[in-house]
Amino acid sequence: MKSSVRNLILVLGDQLNEDSSAFDNFDPQQDAIWMAEVSEESTHVMSSKQRTTLFLSAMRHFAELLKSKKWPIIYTALESKGNTGTLAGELEKTIKHQKPKQLIMTMPGEWRVLHSLEAVAKNFGLPLDIRQDRHFINTLEEFTQHLQGRKQIRLEFFYREMRHKANILMNGNKPIGDKWNFDTENRGSFGKGGPPSLPQPTHFAPDEITQDVIKLVDRQFSHHPGSVSTFRWPVTRQQAKKSLDDFITHRLPNFGKYQDAMWEGEVWLFHSHLSSSLNLKLIHPTEVMNAAQDAYHRQLAPLEAVEGFIRQILGWREYVRGIYWTHMPEYVHRNAMHAHARLPDFFWTGKTDMACLRDAINLTLDHGYAHHIQRLMVTGLYALLLGVNPQEVHAWYLGVYVDAVEWVEVPNTLGMSQYADNGLMASKPYIASGKYIDRMSNHCKGCKFNPSESTGESACPFTTLYWDYLNKHAEVLSKNPRMLMQLKNLNRLTDKDKEAITVQAQKHRQSLVI
């Protein structure tokens, strides 16, 4: 390695794509690539063993790919002697040794990381070229333009613009099927018979690199939540493409119908499990959407399933990124509902009598994954109704899920799940009683609590807290037209009923270990 390089290319753990904009005009004779594993990225929130293993293994596999191309790479492993434990510290060391003339990077996925690296560049008086992330369809400038002149921003209108721009599921200027959104057709439950039989998703046995990472993580982060004994996530582009093929063949046809359904002990069901690969940039959203669209045109999957899946990528994924970057850094501190309760201890252990929470949390800890309804309408719903501080909820979601990068996790948690942004992202709080969970799963069948009861020994905490939440926030929620029906139902309760619910809710809170 030369003692001085022209451009030092900074590659972060969620930027593992050969076609990255940071590599534009890369010259291996003059430039070098910098990658660093640091403990801070697993400890600024307590990252689960599954999540840390995925990032480190994918990084090491990508570094091997770059080395096979004979590209010069400066790589600091977590266990490297003298590792400072921070990205800033490792970059400072490299700059002092390599004396680059310029730093180049693709836009990071986290405000904290961006400003940390910007500060290093400024301290050394080095230009930092921050380039567009081409693993998104929309640029941040285009999202900012979308916001202009709008009193409210809503996914549906943004999504329609994106369908036109990407020319996905379009027939000229009209949507295929003459509808933009088939959401009402995608709310099926499994019924008493449970989910239809389908093969297990494609999993990948840990190779030598991953096995080394698993041992390292178990040793260095032994007190962190979760287990790596079940680790089978894709860590290379080739593996991610196999996961995509598996989803298109076996799961997409029924994805729409059953995307909101839950079943005891079932973690994968009809979901794609591609979000981690998308967020690490192992696969591009366009190739994923094209594969789904092609399945529709070949009559391998119905329109409602394909549209529902594409909306999550082309609509929701792009939407939350825009919200994150146009509202940070203050967004992460929002707490519109003044929620200040602590996150219960069972979120780290899964030890609770509430069957739905026990299942969702244990599956999360075992696999680093839960699908969107388990996140929004089980763990997220409970935290919202309990009144947990949204920053604690955010730290938990960012830490436990393998697909969590802050740009996607913060708006989904603070905005969609906890309504902490006062409706910037979602038009109303997503609240429901235990009856919703009973309708969408079999959890209540074996639970000690009754979803129909809000008071008494067998009262479901979800149902109790639902009515308590409505009662506590009735004045604020009355200003939201979408909440009027739920408030109307609240007003049918007598003062005596409301008082009993308040007492029951307080009793539940006192029973928690926090």
Protein backbone atom coordinates (compact mmCIF):
# COMPACT_ATOMS: atom_id res chain seq x y z
CA MET A 1 0.00 0.00 0.00
CA LYS A 2 1.34 3.43 -0.91
CA SER A 3 1.94 5.88 1.92
CA SER A 4 -0.38 8.36 0.19
CA VAL A 5 -3.54 7.75 -1.82
CA ARG A 6 -5.57 9.98 -4.09
CA ASN A 7 -9.09 9.04 -2.91
CA LEU A 8 -9.95 7.10 0.21
CA ILE A 9 -13.32 5.41 -0.43
CA LEU A 10 -15.31 4.96 2.77
CA VAL A 11 -17.57 1.88 2.72
CA LEU A 12 -19.98 1.36 5.60
CA GLY A 13 -21.59 -1.85 6.79
CA ASP A 14 -24.85 -1.19 4.95
CA GLN A 15 -23.21 -0.27 1.63
CA LEU A 16 -22.14 -3.65 0.32
CA ASN A 17 -22.76 -3.22 -3.41
CA GLU A 18 -20.18 -3.26 -6.18
CA ASP A 19 -22.13 -0.65 -8.16
CA SER A 20 -22.00 1.88 -5.31
CA SER A 21 -21.65 5.50 -6.40
CA ALA A 22 -18.58 5.70 -4.14
CA PHE A 23 -16.75 3.46 -6.63
CA ASP A 24 -17.44 5.68 -9.66
CA ASN A 25 -14.09 6.43 -11.34
CA PHE A 26 -12.27 4.24 -8.83
CA ASP A 27 -8.67 3.65 -9.83
CA PRO A 28 -6.98 0.80 -7.95
CA GLN A 29 -3.61 2.27 -8.87
CA GLN A 30 -4.30 5.52 -7.03
CA ASP A 31 -7.23 4.95 -4.67
CA ALA A 32 -7.95 2.74 -1.67
CA ILE A 33 -11.06 1.43 0.08
CA TRP A 34 -11.60 1.81 3.81
CA MET A 35 -13.84 -0.45 5.92
CA ALA A 36 -13.92 -0.79 9.70
CA GLU A 37 -15.68 -3.02 12.20
CA VAL A 38 -16.09 -1.12 15.46
CA SER A 39 -17.80 -1.98 18.73
CA GLU A 40 -19.67 1.35 18.86
CA GLU A 41 -21.96 0.21 16.05
CA SER A 42 -23.14 -2.65 18.27
CA THR A 43 -23.25 -0.73 21.55
CA HIS A 44 -24.64 2.77 20.92
CA VAL A 45 -27.84 0.75 21.12
CA MET A 46 -27.55 -2.81 22.39
CA SER A 47 -27.44 -4.68 19.09
CA SER A 48 -28.66 -8.27 19.16
CA LYS A 49 -26.24 -11.07 18.37
CA GLN A 50 -28.12 -11.88 15.16
CA ARG A 51 -27.92 -8.28 13.92
CA THR A 52 -24.22 -7.84 14.71
CA THR A 53 -23.39 -11.21 13.15
CA LEU A 54 -25.23 -10.30 9.95
CA PHE A 55 -23.45 -6.97 9.52
CA LEU A 56 -19.97 -8.28 10.31
CA SER A 57 -20.30 -11.42 8.20
CA ALA A 58 -21.70 -9.51 5.22
CA MET A 59 -18.90 -6.93 5.54
CA ARG A 60 -16.21 -9.60 5.59
CA HIS A 61 -17.70 -11.39 2.60
CA PHE A 62 -17.83 -8.12 0.69
CA ALA A 63 -14.22 -7.34 1.59
CA GLU A 64 -13.19 -10.72 0.19
CA LEU A 65 -15.04 -9.88 -3.03
CA LEU A 66 -13.16 -6.59 -3.33
CA LYS A 67 -9.85 -8.33 -2.68
CA SER A 68 -10.62 -10.83 -5.45
CA LYS A 69 -10.86 -7.85 -7.83
CA LYS A 70 -7.36 -6.79 -6.70
CA TRP A 71 -8.75 -3.56 -5.26
CA PRO A 72 -6.62 -2.19 -2.41
CA ILE A 73 -8.58 -2.28 0.83
CA ILE A 74 -7.76 -1.11 4.34
CA TYR A 75 -9.89 -3.29 6.61
CA THR A 76 -10.02 -3.13 10.40
CA ALA A 77 -11.53 -6.19 12.07
CA LEU A 78 -13.32 -5.94 15.38
CA GLU A 79 -10.57 -7.94 17.06
CA SER A 80 -7.70 -6.01 15.41
CA LYS A 81 -5.06 -4.81 17.84
CA GLY A 82 -5.51 -1.16 18.73
CA ASN A 83 -9.07 -0.92 17.38
CA THR A 84 -10.41 2.36 18.78
CA GLY A 85 -13.99 1.07 18.77
CA THR A 86 -15.41 3.98 16.73
CA LEU A 87 -15.66 4.76 13.03
CA ALA A 88 -14.26 8.24 13.66
CA GLY A 89 -11.28 6.86 15.57
CA GLU A 90 -10.43 4.29 12.90
CA LEU A 91 -10.79 6.83 10.09
CA GLU A 92 -8.49 9.27 11.89
CA LYS A 93 -5.81 6.59 12.19
CA THR A 94 -6.07 5.73 8.49
CA ILE A 95 -5.93 9.37 7.40
CA LYS A 96 -2.80 9.96 9.44
CA HIS A 97 -1.10 6.94 7.88
CA GLN A 98 -2.35 7.09 4.29
CA LYS A 99 -2.58 10.88 3.89
CA PRO A 100 -5.40 10.80 1.28
CA LYS A 101 -6.14 13.88 -0.79
CA GLN A 102 -9.89 13.35 -0.64
CA LEU A 103 -12.53 11.21 1.06
CA ILE A 104 -15.42 9.74 -0.93
CA MET A 105 -18.51 7.99 0.35
CA THR A 106 -22.10 7.16 -0.56
CA MET A 107 -24.73 8.84 1.61
CA PRO A 108 -24.89 6.91 4.93
CA GLY A 109 -28.08 5.54 6.42
CA GLU A 110 -27.74 7.27 9.77
CA TRP A 111 -27.46 10.93 10.75
CA ARG A 112 -25.06 10.11 13.63
CA VAL A 113 -22.62 8.34 11.33
CA LEU A 114 -22.80 11.04 8.65
CA HIS A 115 -21.96 13.85 11.04
CA SER A 116 -19.27 11.86 12.81
CA LEU A 117 -17.41 11.27 9.54
CA GLU A 118 -18.02 14.83 8.36
CA ALA A 119 -16.39 16.06 11.57
CA VAL A 120 -13.30 13.91 10.93
CA ALA A 121 -12.95 15.27 7.39
CA LYS A 122 -13.30 18.84 8.65
CA ASN A 123 -10.72 18.33 11.39
CA PHE A 124 -8.18 17.16 8.80
CA GLY A 125 -9.16 19.80 6.25
CA LEU A 126 -10.04 17.11 3.72
CA PRO A 127 -12.77 17.39 1.11
CA LEU A 128 -15.54 14.82 1.61
CA ASP A 129 -17.47 13.90 -1.52
CA ILE A 130 -20.88 12.49 -0.43
CA ARG A 131 -22.61 10.83 -3.37
CA GLN A 132 -26.17 9.73 -4.10
CA ASP A 133 -27.27 6.32 -2.88
CA ARG A 134 -28.43 4.62 -6.08
CA HIS A 135 -30.16 1.85 -4.14
CA PHE A 136 -33.19 4.09 -3.90
CA ILE A 137 -35.53 5.11 -6.72
CA ASN A 138 -36.07 8.61 -5.39
CA THR A 139 -33.42 11.16 -4.47
CA LEU A 140 -33.70 13.20 -1.31
CA GLU A 141 -33.95 16.32 -3.47
CA GLU A 142 -36.95 14.83 -5.25
CA PHE A 143 -38.61 13.97 -1.96
CA THR A 144 -38.07 17.53 -0.76
CA GLN A 145 -39.78 18.75 -3.92
CA HIS A 146 -42.69 16.41 -3.18
CA LEU A 147 -43.14 18.14 0.18
CA GLN A 148 -43.42 21.61 -1.32
CA GLY A 149 -46.84 23.19 -0.86
CA ARG A 150 -48.29 20.24 1.09
CA LYS A 151 -49.86 20.75 4.49
CA GLN A 152 -49.74 17.00 5.04
CA ILE A 153 -47.58 14.29 3.55
CA ARG A 154 -49.22 10.95 2.95
CA LEU A 155 -47.88 7.72 1.55
CA GLU A 156 -50.71 7.15 -0.92
CA PHE A 157 -50.02 10.27 -2.99
CA PHE A 158 -46.27 9.79 -2.87
CA TYR A 159 -46.69 6.14 -3.89
CA ARG A 160 -48.70 7.09 -6.97
CA GLU A 161 -45.95 9.46 -8.07
CA MET A 162 -43.40 6.68 -7.60
CA ARG A 163 -45.45 4.22 -9.67
CA HIS A 164 -45.43 6.72 -12.55
CA LYS A 165 -41.72 7.43 -12.14
CA ALA A 166 -40.66 3.77 -11.99
CA ASN A 167 -43.30 2.65 -14.53
CA ILE A 168 -44.20 -0.29 -12.28
CA LEU A 169 -47.60 -2.01 -12.65
CA MET A 170 -48.72 0.71 -15.04
CA ASN A 171 -50.82 0.62 -18.20
CA GLY A 172 -49.83 3.91 -19.77
CA ASN A 173 -50.82 6.57 -17.24
CA LYS A 174 -53.23 4.29 -15.41
CA PRO A 175 -52.51 1.60 -12.81
CA ILE A 176 -52.95 -1.98 -13.93
CA GLY A 177 -56.27 -3.20 -12.55
CA ASP A 178 -57.56 0.40 -12.45
CA LYS A 179 -56.73 0.64 -8.75
CA TRP A 180 -53.62 2.02 -7.08
CA ASN A 181 -54.06 0.08 -3.89
CA PHE A 182 -55.45 -3.39 -3.11
CA ASP A 183 -54.96 -3.11 0.64
CA THR A 184 -58.57 -4.01 1.47
CA GLU A 185 -58.05 -7.39 -0.22
CA ASN A 186 -54.87 -8.12 1.72
CA ARG A 187 -56.16 -8.58 5.26
CA GLY A 188 -56.86 -12.29 5.47
CA SER A 189 -56.36 -14.45 8.54
CA PHE A 190 -55.54 -18.16 8.58
CA GLY A 191 -58.69 -19.31 10.31
CA LYS A 192 -58.85 -22.28 12.65
CA GLY A 193 -56.91 -24.52 10.28
CA GLY A 194 -53.77 -22.42 10.42
CA PRO A 195 -51.49 -21.39 7.57
CA PRO A 196 -51.39 -23.42 4.35
CA SER A 197 -48.38 -25.67 4.02
CA LEU A 198 -45.36 -24.18 2.31
CA PRO A 199 -41.65 -25.00 2.29
CA GLN A 200 -39.26 -23.35 4.69
CA PRO A 201 -37.54 -20.33 3.13
CA THR A 202 -34.07 -20.71 1.68
CA HIS A 203 -31.59 -20.58 4.54
CA PHE A 204 -27.80 -20.55 4.41
CA ALA A 205 -25.60 -22.62 6.67
CA PRO A 206 -22.79 -20.48 8.11
CA ASP A 207 -19.58 -20.82 6.11
CA GLU A 208 -16.12 -20.44 7.63
CA ILE A 209 -16.27 -16.63 7.63
CA THR A 210 -19.67 -16.57 9.31
CA GLN A 211 -18.66 -19.23 11.82
CA ASP A 212 -15.68 -17.09 12.85
CA VAL A 213 -17.98 -14.08 13.24
CA ILE A 214 -20.45 -16.08 15.34
CA LYS A 215 -17.66 -17.09 17.73
CA LEU A 216 -16.42 -13.49 17.88
CA VAL A 217 -19.88 -12.08 18.60
CA ASP A 218 -20.63 -14.70 21.23
CA ARG A 219 -17.33 -13.85 22.91
CA GLN A 220 -17.26 -10.06 22.61
CA PHE A 221 -21.00 -9.38 23.03
CA SER A 222 -21.92 -12.25 25.33
CA HIS A 223 -24.33 -10.10 27.35
CA HIS A 224 -26.23 -8.87 24.30
CA PRO A 225 -29.74 -10.20 23.60
CA GLY A 226 -30.63 -13.07 21.34
CA SER A 227 -28.84 -16.13 20.07
CA VAL A 228 -26.80 -16.89 16.96
CA SER A 229 -27.46 -20.62 17.02
CA THR A 230 -30.21 -20.14 14.41
CA PHE A 231 -28.27 -17.73 12.18
CA ARG A 232 -29.08 -18.49 8.53
CA TRP A 233 -29.36 -15.05 6.89
CA PRO A 234 -27.99 -14.30 3.40
CA VAL A 235 -24.64 -12.53 3.68
CA THR A 236 -23.69 -12.28 -0.02
CA ARG A 237 -25.38 -11.04 -3.16
CA GLN A 238 -25.60 -14.58 -4.53
CA GLN A 239 -27.42 -15.75 -1.41
CA ALA A 240 -29.74 -12.75 -1.46
CA LYS A 241 -30.71 -13.52 -5.06
CA LYS A 242 -31.56 -17.10 -4.05
CA SER A 243 -33.78 -15.74 -1.28
CA LEU A 244 -35.53 -13.52 -3.81
CA ASP A 245 -36.14 -16.46 -6.15
CA ASP A 246 -37.53 -18.50 -3.25
CA PHE A 247 -39.95 -15.75 -2.28
CA ILE A 248 -41.22 -15.18 -5.81
CA THR A 249 -41.79 -18.93 -6.30
CA HIS A 250 -43.21 -20.03 -2.97
CA ARG A 251 -44.48 -17.01 -1.03
CA LEU A 252 -45.49 -14.13 -3.28
CA PRO A 253 -48.71 -15.80 -4.57
CA ASN A 254 -50.21 -15.74 -1.06
CA PHE A 255 -48.26 -12.80 0.33
CA GLY A 256 -51.07 -10.30 -0.15
CA LYS A 257 -53.80 -12.41 1.35
CA TYR A 258 -51.85 -13.39 4.43
CA GLN A 259 -49.39 -10.54 4.94
CA ASP A 260 -51.15 -9.41 8.15
CA ALA A 261 -51.80 -12.88 9.59
CA MET A 262 -49.95 -14.37 12.56
CA TRP A 263 -49.66 -17.91 13.93
CA GLU A 264 -48.05 -19.21 17.09
CA GLY A 265 -44.43 -20.27 16.59
CA GLU A 266 -44.34 -19.23 12.92
CA VAL A 267 -41.77 -16.57 12.13
CA TRP A 268 -41.46 -16.72 8.32
CA LEU A 269 -44.92 -17.45 6.88
CA PHE A 270 -45.49 -15.69 3.52
CA HIS A 271 -43.07 -12.80 4.01
CA SER A 272 -40.04 -12.19 1.81
CA HIS A 273 -37.25 -11.84 4.44
CA LEU A 274 -35.50 -9.60 1.89
CA SER A 275 -35.41 -6.38 3.90
CA SER A 276 -31.99 -7.09 5.41
CA SER A 277 -30.52 -7.80 1.98
CA LEU A 278 -32.11 -4.66 0.56
CA ASN A 279 -30.83 -2.54 3.43
CA LEU A 280 -27.31 -3.96 3.21
CA LYS A 281 -27.49 -3.25 -0.57
CA LEU A 282 -26.92 -6.89 -1.51
CA ILE A 283 -29.87 -6.64 -3.92
CA HIS A 284 -31.39 -3.62 -5.65
CA PRO A 285 -35.05 -2.66 -5.10
CA THR A 286 -35.60 -2.46 -8.85
CA GLU A 287 -34.60 -6.08 -9.44
CA VAL A 288 -36.87 -7.15 -6.58
CA MET A 289 -39.84 -5.20 -7.94
CA ASN A 290 -39.20 -6.37 -11.48
CA ALA A 291 -39.17 -9.99 -10.33
CA ALA A 292 -42.53 -9.49 -8.61
CA GLN A 293 -44.03 -7.66 -11.58
CA ASP A 294 -42.80 -10.37 -13.92
CA ALA A 295 -44.51 -13.01 -11.74
CA TYR A 296 -47.79 -11.14 -12.22
CA HIS A 297 -47.38 -10.93 -16.00
CA ARG A 298 -46.58 -14.66 -16.12
CA GLN A 299 -49.72 -15.31 -14.06
CA LEU A 300 -47.70 -16.80 -11.21
CA ALA A 301 -49.04 -14.38 -8.59
CA PRO A 302 -52.25 -12.31 -8.34
CA LEU A 303 -52.24 -8.55 -8.75
CA GLU A 304 -53.26 -7.82 -5.16
CA ALA A 305 -50.25 -9.76 -3.83
CA VAL A 306 -47.80 -8.17 -6.25
CA GLU A 307 -49.13 -4.65 -5.72
CA GLY A 308 -49.06 -5.05 -1.93
CA PHE A 309 -45.47 -6.24 -2.01
CA ILE A 310 -44.28 -3.56 -4.43
CA ARG A 311 -46.00 -0.86 -2.35
CA GLN A 312 -43.81 -1.80 0.62
CA ILE A 313 -40.67 -1.21 -1.45
CA LEU A 314 -41.56 1.53 -3.93
CA GLY A 315 -43.91 3.34 -1.58
CA TRP A 316 -43.13 2.74 2.06
CA ARG A 317 -39.36 2.21 1.87
CA GLU A 318 -38.79 5.36 -0.16
CA TYR A 319 -41.29 7.34 1.94
CA VAL A 320 -39.71 6.63 5.32
CA ARG A 321 -36.24 7.46 4.03
CA GLY A 322 -37.48 10.83 2.82
CA ILE A 323 -39.13 11.57 6.16
CA TYR A 324 -35.99 10.61 8.07
CA TRP A 325 -33.57 12.82 6.18
CA THR A 326 -35.88 15.83 5.85
CA HIS A 327 -36.67 15.89 9.59
CA MET A 328 -33.48 14.83 11.33
CA PRO A 329 -31.85 15.37 13.76
CA GLU A 330 -34.79 16.62 15.87
CA TYR A 331 -37.18 13.90 14.65
CA VAL A 332 -35.67 11.16 16.79
CA HIS A 333 -36.45 13.13 19.97
CA ARG A 334 -40.17 13.61 19.31
CA ASN A 335 -42.69 12.51 21.94
CA ALA A 336 -46.02 14.06 20.95
CA MET A 337 -48.10 11.88 23.29
CA HIS A 338 -45.85 12.61 26.29
CA ALA A 339 -45.11 8.95 26.92
CA HIS A 340 -42.57 8.38 29.69
CA ALA A 341 -42.98 4.80 30.94
CA ARG A 342 -39.99 2.46 30.89
CA LEU A 343 -39.80 -0.48 28.49
CA PRO A 344 -40.71 -3.63 30.46
CA ASP A 345 -37.93 -6.12 31.09
CA PHE A 346 -39.75 -8.89 29.24
CA PHE A 347 -38.92 -7.18 25.94
CA TRP A 348 -35.40 -8.54 26.49
CA THR A 349 -36.40 -11.98 27.76
CA GLY A 350 -39.80 -12.85 26.28
CA LYS A 351 -41.00 -13.90 29.74
CA THR A 352 -44.60 -12.70 29.88
CA ASP A 353 -48.01 -14.32 30.29
CA MET A 354 -49.33 -12.43 27.24
CA ALA A 355 -49.16 -15.10 24.54
CA CYS A 356 -48.91 -12.78 21.54
CA LEU A 357 -46.08 -10.73 23.06
CA ARG A 358 -44.28 -13.83 24.29
CA ASP A 359 -44.34 -15.33 20.81
CA ALA A 360 -43.36 -12.16 18.92
CA ILE A 361 -40.51 -11.32 21.29
CA ASN A 362 -39.10 -14.85 21.48
CA LEU A 363 -39.16 -15.18 17.69
CA THR A 364 -37.44 -11.81 17.47
CA LEU A 365 -34.71 -12.80 19.92
CA ASP A 366 -34.22 -16.19 18.25
CA HIS A 367 -34.10 -14.95 14.64
CA GLY A 368 -33.59 -11.17 14.71
CA TYR A 369 -36.83 -10.93 12.74
CA ALA A 370 -40.58 -10.44 13.06
CA HIS A 371 -42.95 -9.42 10.30
CA HIS A 372 -44.59 -6.01 10.10
CA ILE A 373 -47.81 -6.87 11.94
CA GLN A 374 -45.91 -8.44 14.83
CA ARG A 375 -43.88 -5.23 15.02
CA LEU A 376 -46.73 -2.75 14.51
CA MET A 377 -49.71 -4.48 16.11
CA VAL A 378 -48.14 -6.58 18.86
CA THR A 379 -44.87 -5.23 20.29
CA GLY A 380 -45.40 -1.69 18.97
CA LEU A 381 -49.08 -1.56 19.90
CA TYR A 382 -48.40 -2.70 23.44
CA ALA A 383 -45.64 -0.11 23.93
CA LEU A 384 -47.89 2.63 22.53
CA LEU A 385 -50.86 1.72 24.75
CA LEU A 386 -48.63 1.33 27.82
CA GLY A 387 -47.14 4.77 27.18
CA VAL A 388 -43.50 3.73 26.85
CA ASN A 389 -40.99 6.48 26.11
CA PRO A 390 -40.68 6.33 22.29
CA GLN A 391 -36.90 6.72 22.44
CA GLU A 392 -36.69 3.48 24.46
CA VAL A 393 -38.91 1.75 21.92
CA HIS A 394 -36.70 3.10 19.13
CA ALA A 395 -33.53 1.79 20.79
CA TRP A 396 -35.10 -1.67 21.16
CA TYR A 397 -36.25 -1.90 17.52
CA LEU A 398 -32.94 -0.59 16.20
CA GLY A 399 -31.05 -3.11 18.31
CA VAL A 400 -33.00 -6.34 17.88
CA TYR A 401 -33.87 -6.55 14.19
CA VAL A 402 -31.35 -7.61 11.54
CA ASP A 403 -32.87 -5.26 8.94
CA ALA A 404 -32.77 -2.20 11.20
CA VAL A 405 -30.83 0.78 9.85
CA GLU A 406 -31.79 4.08 11.42
CA TRP A 407 -33.18 5.75 8.27
CA VAL A 408 -35.88 3.06 8.03
CA GLU A 409 -36.34 2.18 11.69
CA VAL A 410 -36.83 5.64 13.21
CA PRO A 411 -39.83 6.79 11.12
CA ASN A 412 -41.43 3.35 11.34
CA THR A 413 -41.06 3.29 15.13
CA LEU A 414 -41.57 6.90 16.20
CA GLY A 415 -44.01 7.81 13.44
CA MET A 416 -45.99 4.75 12.39
CA SER A 417 -45.82 2.65 15.56
CA GLN A 418 -45.69 5.14 18.45
CA TYR A 419 -47.36 8.21 16.90
CA ALA A 420 -44.64 10.28 18.55
CA ASP A 421 -44.48 12.70 15.59
CA ASN A 422 -48.12 13.80 16.05
CA GLY A 423 -49.27 12.51 12.70
CA LEU A 424 -46.47 13.69 10.42
CA MET A 425 -46.07 10.21 9.02
CA ALA A 426 -49.31 8.36 9.83
CA SER A 427 -52.76 9.90 9.79
CA LYS A 428 -53.76 8.40 13.16
CA PRO A 429 -52.43 6.28 16.02
CA TYR A 430 -52.57 2.59 15.07
CA ILE A 431 -54.39 1.37 18.17
CA ALA A 432 -56.61 -1.65 18.69
CA SER A 433 -57.82 -3.89 21.48
CA GLY A 434 -56.95 -7.53 21.98
CA LYS A 435 -59.79 -8.43 19.64
CA TYR A 436 -57.64 -7.43 16.65
CA ILE A 437 -54.95 -9.90 17.68
CA ASP A 438 -57.61 -12.55 18.25
CA ARG A 439 -58.94 -11.98 14.73
CA MET A 440 -55.53 -12.12 13.04
CA SER A 441 -53.90 -14.98 14.96
CA ASN A 442 -54.38 -18.00 17.19
CA HIS A 443 -52.50 -16.41 20.10
CA CYS A 444 -55.57 -15.73 22.25
CA LYS A 445 -56.72 -19.35 22.13
CA GLY A 446 -53.99 -20.49 24.48
CA CYS A 447 -53.61 -17.27 26.48
CA LYS A 448 -54.70 -16.78 30.08
CA PHE A 449 -56.25 -13.44 29.12
CA ASN A 450 -59.58 -12.86 27.37
CA PRO A 451 -59.42 -10.27 24.55
CA SER A 452 -63.10 -9.43 25.09
CA GLU A 453 -62.60 -8.35 28.69
CA SER A 454 -61.15 -5.03 29.84
CA THR A 455 -61.52 -5.51 33.61
CA GLY A 456 -61.26 -8.43 35.98
CA GLU A 457 -58.72 -11.21 36.55
CA SER A 458 -58.83 -12.49 32.96
CA ALA A 459 -58.87 -9.05 31.29
CA CYS A 460 -56.55 -8.78 28.31
CA PRO A 461 -53.95 -6.06 28.95
CA PHE A 462 -54.24 -4.96 25.32
CA THR A 463 -57.98 -4.39 25.71
CA THR A 464 -57.60 -2.66 29.07
CA LEU A 465 -54.84 -0.39 27.83
CA TYR A 466 -56.70 0.34 24.59
CA TRP A 467 -59.65 1.87 26.44
CA ASP A 468 -57.30 3.54 28.91
CA TYR A 469 -55.35 5.11 26.05
CA LEU A 470 -58.50 6.45 24.39
CA ASN A 471 -59.77 7.83 27.69
CA LYS A 472 -56.45 9.41 28.63
CA HIS A 473 -55.91 11.08 25.24
CA ALA A 474 -59.55 11.74 24.28
CA GLU A 475 -59.15 15.50 24.06
CA VAL A 476 -56.16 15.35 21.74
CA LEU A 477 -57.58 12.52 19.63
CA SER A 478 -60.94 14.28 19.21
CA LYS A 479 -59.20 16.68 16.81
CA ASN A 480 -58.41 13.78 14.47
CA PRO A 481 -61.38 12.88 12.19
CA ARG A 482 -60.10 9.31 11.78
CA MET A 483 -60.43 8.70 15.53
CA LEU A 484 -64.05 9.81 15.91
CA MET A 485 -65.57 6.33 15.61
CA GLN A 486 -63.28 4.90 18.30
CA LEU A 487 -64.01 7.87 20.57
CA LYS A 488 -67.71 7.39 19.94
CA ASN A 489 -67.36 3.84 21.23
CA LEU A 490 -65.47 5.15 24.26
CA ASN A 491 -68.29 7.54 25.05
CA ARG A 492 -70.69 4.62 25.27
CA LEU A 493 -68.92 3.54 28.44
CA THR A 494 -70.22 4.83 31.74
CA ASP A 495 -68.06 6.84 34.12
CA LYS A 496 -68.01 3.77 36.37
CA ASP A 497 -66.71 1.62 33.48
CA LYS A 498 -64.00 4.15 32.69
CA GLU A 499 -62.92 4.33 36.30
CA ALA A 500 -62.70 0.54 36.51
CA ILE A 501 -60.56 0.47 33.36
CA THR A 502 -58.25 3.12 34.81
CA VAL A 503 -57.81 1.03 37.96
CA GLN A 504 -57.20 -2.13 35.90
CA ALA A 505 -54.62 -0.36 33.72
CA GLN A 506 -52.80 0.93 36.79
CA LYS A 507 -52.80 -2.55 38.29
CA HIS A 508 -51.25 -3.94 35.12
CA ARG A 509 -48.55 -1.26 35.08
CA GLN A 510 -47.68 -2.00 38.71
CA SER A 511 -47.27 -5.69 37.87
CA LEU A 512 -44.50 -5.02 35.36
CA VAL A 513 -40.80 -5.37 36.00
CA ILE A 514 -39.04 -2.38 34.44
